[in-house]
Amino acid sequence: MGKEILRKFFTSKVNESIECQDVILPNLVKIYLVALLVELAYLDRRSYYDPTVKLVDLYMMASAAEGKHERLERYKRIGDTSIIRLGYFPENINRKNVGPAYYRDMGTSAYYTAFVNSENSLYKELVDSYDSCIDAIHGVKSMSIRNDIVELHEFWNITKSNFAKRRLSQLGFSFKEKLIT
């Protein structure tokens, strides 16, 4: 599948996701998220979003990078990786010693550092709309599992995604009742 076809597909899915959730994202951030999803679909995911690679190791490599461009790219990768892991592959986070807050903190910190080093306002926008980016990415994934209450609940339990909570409520799941364990 060509990149242009993927770009059109993910543009419509990101727009559908944010519309469904009443999420507001700047256009530049939407374009960036579409590019991330195209990259995820097009690349060998193991090479870039490898779940065995720890964000702290990426952070240390970014801090040690000598050139400004290399350092910027490494911080960007940390932010991108955290968004994809939280939004698209949250099931892998549940198996780790660290939780969603760690990924959020590392991602927003990395994007903020990229902003400071480059003065590119996109990175500041990514910091400011980080949680909405997670919801948008998860919404794209969740549209294919709309009626799978178990998977939606597992995702909501890990990330507290607004999309998952809203969809679960639409399917009759009540968040006021305690589940019997």
N, C-alpha and C. Protein backbone atom coordinates (compact mmCIF):
# COMPACT_ATOMS: atom_id res chain seq x y z
N MET A 1 0.85 -1.17 0.00
CA MET A 1 0.00 0.00 0.00
C MET A 1 0.89 1.23 0.00
N GLY A 2 0.63 2.17 -0.90
CA GLY A 2 1.44 3.38 -1.00
C GLY A 2 1.22 4.33 0.16
N LYS A 3 2.22 5.15 0.38
CA LYS A 3 2.14 6.10 1.49
C LYS A 3 0.99 7.10 1.31
N GLU A 4 0.72 7.49 0.09
CA GLU A 4 -0.36 8.46 -0.14
C GLU A 4 -1.72 7.87 0.21
N ILE A 5 -1.92 6.61 -0.13
CA ILE A 5 -3.18 5.93 0.22
C ILE A 5 -3.30 5.81 1.73
N LEU A 6 -2.19 5.44 2.38
CA LEU A 6 -2.20 5.36 3.85
C LEU A 6 -2.45 6.73 4.47
N ARG A 7 -1.84 7.76 3.92
CA ARG A 7 -2.03 9.11 4.46
C ARG A 7 -3.51 9.51 4.38
N LYS A 8 -4.15 9.26 3.26
CA LYS A 8 -5.57 9.58 3.11
C LYS A 8 -6.42 8.77 4.09
N PHE A 9 -6.12 7.48 4.19
CA PHE A 9 -6.85 6.60 5.11
C PHE A 9 -6.73 7.10 6.55
N PHE A 10 -5.50 7.33 7.01
CA PHE A 10 -5.30 7.75 8.39
C PHE A 10 -5.80 9.17 8.65
N THR A 11 -5.78 10.02 7.64
CA THR A 11 -6.35 11.36 7.81
C THR A 11 -7.84 11.24 8.12
N SER A 12 -8.54 10.40 7.37
CA SER A 12 -9.97 10.24 7.63
C SER A 12 -10.22 9.59 8.99
N LYS A 13 -9.38 8.62 9.37
CA LYS A 13 -9.55 7.94 10.66
C LYS A 13 -9.23 8.86 11.84
N VAL A 14 -8.19 9.67 11.73
CA VAL A 14 -7.86 10.61 12.81
C VAL A 14 -9.00 11.62 12.94
N ASN A 15 -9.48 12.15 11.82
CA ASN A 15 -10.60 13.10 11.88
C ASN A 15 -11.84 12.47 12.49
N GLU A 16 -12.14 11.24 12.09
CA GLU A 16 -13.28 10.53 12.66
C GLU A 16 -13.11 10.30 14.16
N SER A 17 -11.91 9.94 14.57
CA SER A 17 -11.62 9.69 15.97
C SER A 17 -11.81 10.95 16.82
N ILE A 18 -11.24 12.06 16.37
CA ILE A 18 -11.35 13.28 17.18
C ILE A 18 -12.77 13.84 17.16
N GLU A 19 -13.47 13.66 16.05
CA GLU A 19 -14.86 14.11 15.98
C GLU A 19 -15.74 13.29 16.93
N CYS A 20 -15.52 11.99 16.94
CA CYS A 20 -16.30 11.08 17.80
C CYS A 20 -16.10 11.41 19.28
N GLN A 21 -14.92 11.88 19.61
CA GLN A 21 -14.59 12.14 21.02
C GLN A 21 -14.70 13.60 21.42
N ASP A 22 -15.04 14.45 20.49
CA ASP A 22 -15.05 15.90 20.74
C ASP A 22 -13.69 16.39 21.20
N VAL A 23 -12.65 15.83 20.62
CA VAL A 23 -11.27 16.22 20.92
C VAL A 23 -10.89 17.36 19.99
N ILE A 24 -10.22 18.33 20.53
CA ILE A 24 -9.75 19.46 19.72
C ILE A 24 -8.24 19.35 19.60
N LEU A 25 -7.77 19.28 18.36
CA LEU A 25 -6.34 19.23 18.08
C LEU A 25 -6.00 20.26 17.00
N PRO A 26 -4.89 20.97 17.17
CA PRO A 26 -4.46 21.87 16.10
C PRO A 26 -4.20 21.08 14.82
N ASN A 27 -4.44 21.71 13.66
CA ASN A 27 -4.25 21.03 12.38
C ASN A 27 -2.84 20.47 12.23
N LEU A 28 -1.85 21.21 12.67
CA LEU A 28 -0.47 20.75 12.55
C LEU A 28 -0.25 19.46 13.35
N VAL A 29 -0.88 19.35 14.50
CA VAL A 29 -0.76 18.14 15.32
C VAL A 29 -1.48 16.98 14.64
N LYS A 30 -2.65 17.24 14.05
CA LYS A 30 -3.36 16.18 13.32
C LYS A 30 -2.50 15.64 12.18
N ILE A 31 -1.89 16.54 11.44
CA ILE A 31 -1.02 16.13 10.33
C ILE A 31 0.15 15.30 10.86
N TYR A 32 0.69 15.71 12.00
CA TYR A 32 1.81 14.99 12.60
C TYR A 32 1.38 13.58 13.03
N LEU A 33 0.20 13.46 13.64
CA LEU A 33 -0.29 12.15 14.06
C LEU A 33 -0.53 11.23 12.86
N VAL A 34 -1.05 11.79 11.79
CA VAL A 34 -1.26 11.01 10.57
C VAL A 34 0.09 10.49 10.08
N ALA A 35 1.10 11.35 10.08
CA ALA A 35 2.44 10.93 9.64
C ALA A 35 2.99 9.82 10.53
N LEU A 36 2.74 9.90 11.84
CA LEU A 36 3.18 8.83 12.75
C LEU A 36 2.50 7.51 12.42
N LEU A 37 1.20 7.56 12.16
CA LEU A 37 0.46 6.34 11.84
C LEU A 37 0.91 5.75 10.50
N VAL A 38 1.17 6.60 9.52
CA VAL A 38 1.68 6.12 8.23
C VAL A 38 3.03 5.44 8.45
N GLU A 39 3.87 6.08 9.23
CA GLU A 39 5.19 5.52 9.54
C GLU A 39 5.05 4.17 10.24
N LEU A 40 4.14 4.09 11.17
CA LEU A 40 3.90 2.85 11.91
C LEU A 40 3.44 1.74 10.96
N ALA A 41 2.58 2.07 10.02
CA ALA A 41 2.07 1.07 9.09
C ALA A 41 3.11 0.69 8.04
N TYR A 42 3.96 1.62 7.68
CA TYR A 42 4.89 1.43 6.58
C TYR A 42 6.21 0.81 7.00
N LEU A 43 6.67 1.14 8.18
CA LEU A 43 7.98 0.67 8.63
C LEU A 43 7.88 -0.68 9.31
N ASP A 44 9.01 -1.29 9.49
CA ASP A 44 9.11 -2.48 10.33
C ASP A 44 9.01 -1.99 11.77
N ARG A 45 7.85 -2.20 12.39
CA ARG A 45 7.59 -1.68 13.73
C ARG A 45 8.63 -2.11 14.76
N ARG A 46 9.20 -3.26 14.55
CA ARG A 46 10.19 -3.75 15.51
C ARG A 46 11.41 -2.84 15.57
N SER A 47 11.70 -2.18 14.45
CA SER A 47 12.90 -1.36 14.43
C SER A 47 12.72 -0.03 15.15
N TYR A 48 11.51 0.51 15.15
CA TYR A 48 11.32 1.84 15.70
C TYR A 48 10.52 1.86 16.99
N TYR A 49 9.51 1.04 17.09
CA TYR A 49 8.66 1.03 18.28
C TYR A 49 8.83 -0.27 19.06
N ASP A 50 9.99 -0.82 19.01
CA ASP A 50 10.31 -2.07 19.69
C ASP A 50 9.96 -1.95 21.18
N PRO A 51 9.02 -2.77 21.67
CA PRO A 51 8.62 -2.66 23.08
C PRO A 51 9.71 -3.06 24.06
N THR A 52 10.76 -3.69 23.58
CA THR A 52 11.86 -4.06 24.50
C THR A 52 12.82 -2.91 24.72
N VAL A 53 12.73 -1.88 23.89
CA VAL A 53 13.60 -0.71 24.05
C VAL A 53 13.00 0.19 25.11
N LYS A 54 13.78 0.50 26.12
CA LYS A 54 13.30 1.33 27.23
C LYS A 54 13.45 2.81 26.91
N LEU A 55 12.45 3.58 27.29
CA LEU A 55 12.51 5.02 27.04
C LEU A 55 13.68 5.66 27.76
N VAL A 56 14.01 5.18 28.94
CA VAL A 56 15.13 5.76 29.67
C VAL A 56 16.44 5.57 28.90
N ASP A 57 16.59 4.45 28.21
CA ASP A 57 17.78 4.23 27.39
C ASP A 57 17.80 5.20 26.21
N LEU A 58 16.64 5.40 25.59
CA LEU A 58 16.56 6.37 24.50
C LEU A 58 16.87 7.77 25.01
N TYR A 59 16.41 8.08 26.21
CA TYR A 59 16.65 9.40 26.79
C TYR A 59 18.14 9.61 27.05
N MET A 60 18.80 8.58 27.54
CA MET A 60 20.25 8.69 27.79
C MET A 60 21.01 8.87 26.47
N MET A 61 20.58 8.16 25.42
CA MET A 61 21.21 8.31 24.12
C MET A 61 20.98 9.71 23.57
N ALA A 62 19.80 10.25 23.77
CA ALA A 62 19.50 11.60 23.31
C ALA A 62 20.34 12.63 24.04
N SER A 63 20.46 12.46 25.35
CA SER A 63 21.26 13.40 26.15
C SER A 63 22.72 13.38 25.75
N ALA A 64 23.20 12.21 25.33
CA ALA A 64 24.62 12.06 24.99
C ALA A 64 24.91 12.41 23.52
N ALA A 65 23.88 12.61 22.73
CA ALA A 65 24.09 12.91 21.30
C ALA A 65 24.89 14.19 21.16
N GLU A 66 25.85 14.17 20.25
CA GLU A 66 26.75 15.31 20.10
C GLU A 66 26.17 16.42 19.24
N GLY A 67 25.58 16.06 18.12
CA GLY A 67 25.06 17.09 17.22
C GLY A 67 23.66 17.52 17.60
N LYS A 68 23.36 18.79 17.35
CA LYS A 68 22.04 19.34 17.68
C LYS A 68 20.94 18.61 16.93
N HIS A 69 21.15 18.34 15.65
CA HIS A 69 20.14 17.65 14.85
C HIS A 69 19.90 16.23 15.36
N GLU A 70 20.98 15.52 15.66
CA GLU A 70 20.85 14.15 16.17
C GLU A 70 20.12 14.15 17.52
N ARG A 71 20.46 15.08 18.38
CA ARG A 71 19.82 15.16 19.69
C ARG A 71 18.33 15.46 19.53
N LEU A 72 17.99 16.38 18.63
CA LEU A 72 16.60 16.72 18.38
C LEU A 72 15.83 15.50 17.87
N GLU A 73 16.40 14.78 16.93
CA GLU A 73 15.74 13.59 16.38
C GLU A 73 15.53 12.52 17.45
N ARG A 74 16.47 12.38 18.35
CA ARG A 74 16.33 11.37 19.41
C ARG A 74 15.25 11.76 20.42
N TYR A 75 15.17 13.04 20.76
CA TYR A 75 14.10 13.47 21.67
C TYR A 75 12.74 13.32 20.99
N LYS A 76 12.68 13.66 19.72
CA LYS A 76 11.45 13.49 18.95
C LYS A 76 11.04 12.02 18.95
N ARG A 77 12.00 11.13 18.78
CA ARG A 77 11.69 9.70 18.76
C ARG A 77 11.11 9.24 20.10
N ILE A 78 11.62 9.78 21.19
CA ILE A 78 11.08 9.41 22.51
C ILE A 78 9.62 9.82 22.61
N GLY A 79 9.32 11.07 22.21
CA GLY A 79 7.93 11.53 22.25
C GLY A 79 7.04 10.70 21.35
N ASP A 80 7.52 10.43 20.13
CA ASP A 80 6.74 9.63 19.18
C ASP A 80 6.50 8.22 19.71
N THR A 81 7.54 7.63 20.25
CA THR A 81 7.43 6.27 20.78
C THR A 81 6.44 6.21 21.92
N SER A 82 6.47 7.21 22.80
CA SER A 82 5.55 7.19 23.94
C SER A 82 4.11 7.35 23.48
N ILE A 83 3.86 8.20 22.48
CA ILE A 83 2.50 8.38 21.97
C ILE A 83 2.00 7.08 21.34
N ILE A 84 2.84 6.45 20.54
CA ILE A 84 2.42 5.22 19.87
C ILE A 84 2.21 4.10 20.89
N ARG A 85 3.11 3.99 21.86
CA ARG A 85 2.94 2.92 22.86
C ARG A 85 1.69 3.12 23.70
N LEU A 86 1.42 4.35 24.12
CA LEU A 86 0.24 4.61 24.94
C LEU A 86 -1.05 4.55 24.12
N GLY A 87 -1.03 5.09 22.92
CA GLY A 87 -2.25 5.16 22.13
C GLY A 87 -2.56 3.92 21.33
N TYR A 88 -1.52 3.27 20.80
CA TYR A 88 -1.76 2.16 19.89
C TYR A 88 -1.43 0.80 20.50
N PHE A 89 -0.45 0.75 21.38
CA PHE A 89 -0.04 -0.53 21.97
C PHE A 89 -0.07 -0.51 23.50
N PRO A 90 -1.16 -0.05 24.12
CA PRO A 90 -1.19 0.06 25.58
C PRO A 90 -1.10 -1.29 26.27
N GLU A 91 -1.48 -2.36 25.58
CA GLU A 91 -1.42 -3.69 26.19
C GLU A 91 0.02 -4.06 26.55
N ASN A 92 1.00 -3.52 25.85
CA ASN A 92 2.40 -3.78 26.18
C ASN A 92 2.84 -3.03 27.43
N ILE A 93 2.21 -1.91 27.70
CA ILE A 93 2.56 -1.12 28.89
C ILE A 93 2.12 -1.84 30.15
N ASN A 94 0.99 -2.50 30.10
CA ASN A 94 0.47 -3.20 31.27
C ASN A 94 1.42 -4.31 31.74
N ARG A 95 2.29 -4.77 30.86
CA ARG A 95 3.22 -5.85 31.20
C ARG A 95 4.55 -5.33 31.71
N LYS A 96 4.70 -4.05 31.81
CA LYS A 96 5.97 -3.44 32.21
C LYS A 96 5.96 -3.09 33.69
N ASN A 97 7.13 -2.75 34.19
CA ASN A 97 7.24 -2.30 35.58
C ASN A 97 6.81 -0.84 35.74
N VAL A 98 6.70 -0.14 34.65
CA VAL A 98 6.29 1.26 34.69
C VAL A 98 4.91 1.38 34.06
N GLY A 99 4.20 2.42 34.43
CA GLY A 99 2.84 2.57 33.95
C GLY A 99 2.69 3.70 32.95
N PRO A 100 1.44 4.01 32.60
CA PRO A 100 1.17 5.05 31.62
C PRO A 100 1.73 6.42 32.01
N ALA A 101 1.73 6.75 33.28
CA ALA A 101 2.23 8.06 33.71
C ALA A 101 3.71 8.23 33.35
N TYR A 102 4.48 7.16 33.46
CA TYR A 102 5.90 7.19 33.09
C TYR A 102 6.04 7.53 31.60
N TYR A 103 5.26 6.85 30.76
CA TYR A 103 5.33 7.11 29.32
C TYR A 103 4.90 8.53 28.99
N ARG A 104 3.85 8.99 29.67
CA ARG A 104 3.39 10.36 29.46
C ARG A 104 4.46 11.37 29.86
N ASP A 105 5.04 11.17 31.03
CA ASP A 105 6.07 12.10 31.51
C ASP A 105 7.29 12.11 30.60
N MET A 106 7.72 10.93 30.17
CA MET A 106 8.88 10.86 29.28
C MET A 106 8.57 11.50 27.93
N GLY A 107 7.38 11.23 27.41
CA GLY A 107 7.01 11.78 26.11
C GLY A 107 6.89 13.30 26.13
N THR A 108 6.19 13.83 27.12
CA THR A 108 6.02 15.29 27.18
C THR A 108 7.35 15.97 27.47
N SER A 109 8.17 15.38 28.31
CA SER A 109 9.48 15.95 28.60
C SER A 109 10.36 15.97 27.35
N ALA A 110 10.32 14.90 26.59
CA ALA A 110 11.13 14.82 25.36
C ALA A 110 10.65 15.84 24.33
N TYR A 111 9.35 15.95 24.13
CA TYR A 111 8.84 16.94 23.18
C TYR A 111 9.16 18.36 23.65
N TYR A 112 9.07 18.60 24.96
CA TYR A 112 9.40 19.93 25.46
C TYR A 112 10.88 20.25 25.22
N THR A 113 11.73 19.27 25.45
CA THR A 113 13.17 19.46 25.20
C THR A 113 13.41 19.72 23.71
N ALA A 114 12.69 19.01 22.85
CA ALA A 114 12.81 19.24 21.40
C ALA A 114 12.36 20.67 21.07
N PHE A 115 11.29 21.13 21.72
CA PHE A 115 10.82 22.50 21.50
C PHE A 115 11.87 23.52 21.92
N VAL A 116 12.43 23.34 23.10
CA VAL A 116 13.43 24.28 23.61
C VAL A 116 14.65 24.32 22.69
N ASN A 117 15.06 23.16 22.20
CA ASN A 117 16.26 23.09 21.37
C ASN A 117 16.03 23.55 19.93
N SER A 118 14.80 23.48 19.46
CA SER A 118 14.55 23.82 18.05
C SER A 118 13.69 25.08 17.87
N GLU A 119 12.96 25.46 18.91
CA GLU A 119 11.99 26.55 18.86
C GLU A 119 10.90 26.28 17.83
N ASN A 120 10.70 25.01 17.48
CA ASN A 120 9.63 24.60 16.58
C ASN A 120 8.36 24.46 17.41
N SER A 121 7.37 25.29 17.11
CA SER A 121 6.15 25.32 17.92
C SER A 121 5.37 24.00 17.87
N LEU A 122 5.59 23.17 16.87
CA LEU A 122 4.92 21.87 16.80
C LEU A 122 5.17 21.06 18.07
N TYR A 123 6.40 21.06 18.55
CA TYR A 123 6.72 20.26 19.73
C TYR A 123 6.02 20.79 20.97
N LYS A 124 5.86 22.10 21.08
CA LYS A 124 5.11 22.68 22.19
C LYS A 124 3.63 22.31 22.08
N GLU A 125 3.10 22.32 20.87
CA GLU A 125 1.71 21.91 20.64
C GLU A 125 1.53 20.44 21.03
N LEU A 126 2.51 19.59 20.74
CA LEU A 126 2.43 18.18 21.11
C LEU A 126 2.43 18.01 22.63
N VAL A 127 3.22 18.82 23.33
CA VAL A 127 3.22 18.79 24.80
C VAL A 127 1.84 19.20 25.31
N ASP A 128 1.33 20.30 24.80
CA ASP A 128 0.06 20.84 25.29
C ASP A 128 -1.14 19.95 24.98
N SER A 129 -1.07 19.19 23.91
CA SER A 129 -2.21 18.36 23.51
C SER A 129 -1.89 16.87 23.62
N TYR A 130 -0.91 16.52 24.44
CA TYR A 130 -0.43 15.13 24.52
C TYR A 130 -1.56 14.13 24.82
N ASP A 131 -2.34 14.40 25.84
CA ASP A 131 -3.42 13.46 26.22
C ASP A 131 -4.45 13.32 25.10
N SER A 132 -4.75 14.41 24.43
CA SER A 132 -5.68 14.35 23.30
C SER A 132 -5.08 13.55 22.14
N CYS A 133 -3.77 13.65 21.97
CA CYS A 133 -3.10 12.85 20.93
C CYS A 133 -3.25 11.36 21.23
N ILE A 134 -3.10 10.99 22.51
CA ILE A 134 -3.25 9.59 22.91
C ILE A 134 -4.68 9.13 22.59
N ASP A 135 -5.66 9.95 22.97
CA ASP A 135 -7.06 9.60 22.69
C ASP A 135 -7.31 9.47 21.19
N ALA A 136 -6.74 10.38 20.41
CA ALA A 136 -6.95 10.34 18.96
C ALA A 136 -6.35 9.07 18.36
N ILE A 137 -5.13 8.74 18.75
CA ILE A 137 -4.47 7.53 18.23
C ILE A 137 -5.24 6.29 18.68
N HIS A 138 -5.64 6.28 19.95
CA HIS A 138 -6.39 5.12 20.42
C HIS A 138 -7.74 5.02 19.72
N GLY A 139 -8.36 6.14 19.45
CA GLY A 139 -9.63 6.12 18.73
C GLY A 139 -9.50 5.49 17.36
N VAL A 140 -8.40 5.77 16.68
CA VAL A 140 -8.16 5.16 15.37
C VAL A 140 -8.11 3.64 15.51
N LYS A 141 -7.38 3.17 16.51
CA LYS A 141 -7.27 1.73 16.72
C LYS A 141 -8.62 1.14 17.17
N SER A 142 -9.28 1.83 18.07
CA SER A 142 -10.50 1.30 18.67
C SER A 142 -11.68 1.23 17.72
N MET A 143 -11.64 1.99 16.66
CA MET A 143 -12.76 1.95 15.71
C MET A 143 -12.94 0.56 15.13
N SER A 144 -11.88 -0.23 15.13
CA SER A 144 -11.99 -1.59 14.62
C SER A 144 -12.47 -2.56 15.70
N ILE A 145 -12.47 -2.12 16.97
CA ILE A 145 -12.91 -2.99 18.07
C ILE A 145 -14.05 -2.33 18.84
N ARG A 146 -14.87 -1.58 18.16
CA ARG A 146 -15.91 -0.77 18.82
C ARG A 146 -16.78 -1.53 19.80
N ASN A 147 -17.11 -2.75 19.52
CA ASN A 147 -18.06 -3.46 20.36
C ASN A 147 -17.42 -4.53 21.23
N ASP A 148 -16.12 -4.56 21.31
CA ASP A 148 -15.42 -5.53 22.15
C ASP A 148 -15.26 -4.92 23.54
N ILE A 149 -16.25 -5.19 24.40
CA ILE A 149 -16.28 -4.57 25.73
C ILE A 149 -15.05 -4.95 26.55
N VAL A 150 -14.62 -6.18 26.46
CA VAL A 150 -13.47 -6.62 27.25
C VAL A 150 -12.22 -5.85 26.84
N GLU A 151 -11.94 -5.77 25.55
CA GLU A 151 -10.74 -5.06 25.10
C GLU A 151 -10.84 -3.56 25.39
N LEU A 152 -12.02 -2.99 25.17
CA LEU A 152 -12.21 -1.57 25.49
C LEU A 152 -12.00 -1.30 26.98
N HIS A 153 -12.55 -2.18 27.84
CA HIS A 153 -12.38 -1.98 29.27
C HIS A 153 -10.92 -2.13 29.69
N GLU A 154 -10.23 -3.11 29.12
CA GLU A 154 -8.81 -3.27 29.44
C GLU A 154 -8.04 -2.02 29.07
N PHE A 155 -8.32 -1.48 27.88
CA PHE A 155 -7.64 -0.26 27.46
C PHE A 155 -7.99 0.90 28.38
N TRP A 156 -9.27 1.06 28.69
CA TRP A 156 -9.67 2.15 29.56
C TRP A 156 -9.01 2.01 30.94
N ASN A 157 -8.94 0.79 31.45
CA ASN A 157 -8.34 0.55 32.76
C ASN A 157 -6.86 0.94 32.78
N ILE A 158 -6.17 0.75 31.69
CA ILE A 158 -4.75 1.08 31.61
C ILE A 158 -4.54 2.58 31.41
N THR A 159 -5.31 3.18 30.48
CA THR A 159 -5.02 4.55 30.04
C THR A 159 -6.03 5.60 30.48
N LYS A 160 -7.20 5.16 30.93
CA LYS A 160 -8.31 6.08 31.25
C LYS A 160 -8.72 6.90 30.02
N SER A 161 -8.64 6.27 28.85
CA SER A 161 -8.98 6.91 27.58
C SER A 161 -10.43 7.38 27.57
N ASN A 162 -10.65 8.63 27.19
CA ASN A 162 -12.01 9.16 27.06
C ASN A 162 -12.79 8.42 25.99
N PHE A 163 -12.11 8.06 24.90
CA PHE A 163 -12.78 7.32 23.82
C PHE A 163 -13.33 6.00 24.35
N ALA A 164 -12.48 5.24 25.04
CA ALA A 164 -12.90 3.92 25.54
C ALA A 164 -14.04 4.07 26.56
N LYS A 165 -13.94 5.05 27.43
CA LYS A 165 -14.98 5.25 28.44
C LYS A 165 -16.31 5.61 27.79
N ARG A 166 -16.27 6.50 26.82
CA ARG A 166 -17.49 6.90 26.13
C ARG A 166 -18.11 5.72 25.38
N ARG A 167 -17.27 4.94 24.71
CA ARG A 167 -17.79 3.80 23.95
C ARG A 167 -18.36 2.73 24.88
N LEU A 168 -17.68 2.49 26.00
CA LEU A 168 -18.19 1.53 26.98
C LEU A 168 -19.55 1.97 27.53
N SER A 169 -19.68 3.25 27.80
CA SER A 169 -20.97 3.78 28.28
C SER A 169 -22.05 3.59 27.24
N GLN A 170 -21.73 3.83 25.96
CA GLN A 170 -22.69 3.63 24.88
C GLN A 170 -23.13 2.17 24.78
N LEU A 171 -22.23 1.26 25.15
CA LEU A 171 -22.53 -0.17 25.09
C LEU A 171 -23.21 -0.68 26.36
N GLY A 172 -23.50 0.23 27.30
CA GLY A 172 -24.24 -0.14 28.50
C GLY A 172 -23.40 -0.40 29.73
N PHE A 173 -22.10 -0.19 29.65
CA PHE A 173 -21.23 -0.41 30.80
C PHE A 173 -21.37 0.76 31.76
N SER A 174 -21.56 0.47 33.03
CA SER A 174 -21.71 1.52 34.03
C SER A 174 -20.42 1.66 34.84
N PHE A 175 -19.97 2.86 34.99
CA PHE A 175 -18.75 3.10 35.77
C PHE A 175 -19.07 3.39 37.23
N LYS A 176 -20.35 3.44 37.58
CA LYS A 176 -20.75 3.70 38.96
C LYS A 176 -20.83 2.43 39.78
N GLU A 177 -21.04 1.32 39.10
CA GLU A 177 -21.17 0.05 39.81
C GLU A 177 -19.80 -0.57 40.02
N LYS A 178 -19.63 -1.22 41.16
CA LYS A 178 -18.38 -1.94 41.41
C LYS A 178 -18.48 -3.33 40.79
N LEU A 179 -17.40 -3.74 40.19
CA LEU A 179 -17.38 -5.07 39.61
C LEU A 179 -17.11 -6.11 40.70
N ILE A 180 -17.75 -7.23 40.60
CA ILE A 180 -17.52 -8.33 41.56
C ILE A 180 -16.24 -9.03 41.14
N THR A 181 -15.34 -9.19 42.10
CA THR A 181 -14.07 -9.85 41.77
C THR A 181 -13.96 -11.18 42.47
